[in-house]
Protein backbone atom coordinates (compact mmCIF):
# COMPACT_ATOMS: atom_id res chain seq x y z
CA UNK A 1 26.52 67.47 -73.72
CA UNK A 2 24.06 69.64 -71.95
CA UNK A 3 26.18 70.11 -69.18
CA UNK A 4 29.27 71.15 -71.32
CA UNK A 5 26.98 73.48 -73.44
CA UNK A 6 25.84 75.25 -70.28
CA UNK A 7 29.27 75.36 -68.82
CA UNK A 8 30.34 77.18 -72.24
CA UNK A 9 27.47 79.69 -71.83
CA UNK A 10 28.85 80.78 -68.56
CA UNK A 11 26.21 79.13 -66.40
CA UNK A 12 27.50 78.78 -62.98
CA UNK A 13 26.32 76.01 -60.37
CA UNK A 14 25.12 78.77 -57.98
CA UNK A 15 22.90 80.23 -60.64
CA UNK A 16 21.25 76.82 -61.10
CA UNK A 17 21.06 76.42 -57.36
CA UNK A 18 19.24 79.95 -57.07
CA UNK A 19 16.86 78.82 -60.10
CA UNK A 20 16.28 75.58 -58.14
CA UNK A 21 15.04 77.52 -55.07
CA UNK A 22 12.94 79.97 -57.00
CA UNK A 23 10.80 77.36 -58.95
CA UNK A 24 9.96 76.05 -55.38
CA UNK A 25 8.74 79.26 -54.49
CA UNK A 26 6.94 79.44 -57.77
CA UNK A 27 5.28 76.19 -57.37
CA UNK A 28 4.26 77.04 -53.79
CA UNK A 29 2.76 80.29 -55.17
CA UNK A 30 1.12 78.42 -57.98
CA UNK A 31 -0.35 76.08 -55.63
CA UNK A 32 -1.71 78.85 -53.37
CA UNK A 33 -3.31 80.37 -56.50
CA UNK A 34 -5.04 77.37 -57.24
CA UNK A 35 -6.69 77.18 -53.86
CA UNK A 36 -8.16 80.69 -54.73
CA UNK A 37 -9.81 79.96 -58.12
CA UNK A 38 -13.11 78.53 -58.77
CA UNK A 39 -13.93 74.86 -58.88
CA UNK A 40 -13.85 74.67 -62.96
CA UNK A 41 -10.18 76.29 -63.01
CA UNK A 42 -8.65 74.48 -60.06
CA UNK A 43 -7.83 71.38 -61.80
CA UNK A 44 -5.60 73.12 -64.34
CA UNK A 45 -3.98 75.36 -61.69
CA UNK A 46 -3.24 72.34 -59.46
CA UNK A 47 -1.77 70.18 -62.42
CA UNK A 48 0.04 73.53 -63.30
CA UNK A 49 1.62 73.84 -59.72
CA UNK A 50 2.55 69.89 -59.90
CA UNK A 51 4.36 70.40 -63.22
CA UNK A 52 6.48 73.32 -61.88
CA UNK A 53 7.27 71.13 -58.72
CA UNK A 54 9.14 68.73 -60.91
CA UNK A 55 11.82 71.23 -62.19
CA UNK A 56 13.54 72.03 -58.64
CA UNK A 57 15.32 68.64 -58.60
CA UNK A 58 16.20 68.63 -61.99
CA UNK A 59 17.91 72.21 -61.74
CA UNK A 60 19.89 71.41 -58.55
CA UNK A 61 21.39 68.05 -60.29
CA UNK A 62 22.26 70.34 -63.17
CA UNK A 63 23.80 72.54 -60.58
CA UNK A 64 25.71 69.62 -59.05
CA UNK A 65 26.94 68.22 -62.58
CA UNK A 66 28.10 71.99 -63.44
CA UNK A 67 29.93 72.12 -60.09
CA UNK A 68 32.05 69.04 -61.22
CA UNK A 69 33.12 71.08 -64.18
CA UNK A 70 34.24 74.09 -62.40
């Protein structure tokens, strides 16, 4: 159902692959930033980086599913 809605919204698999790679870059940048903050804020910054790190596989798989519809 979600894939059908994305396909109707003209989202293409290539866009999801690029978004997946962009979230990897975002995760790495958040992780590097977590190392520069003080000790009290470091836990939240690291959790934020790990949370964003869960997104790339999901977006890549959505891109694979969209490729089947194309």
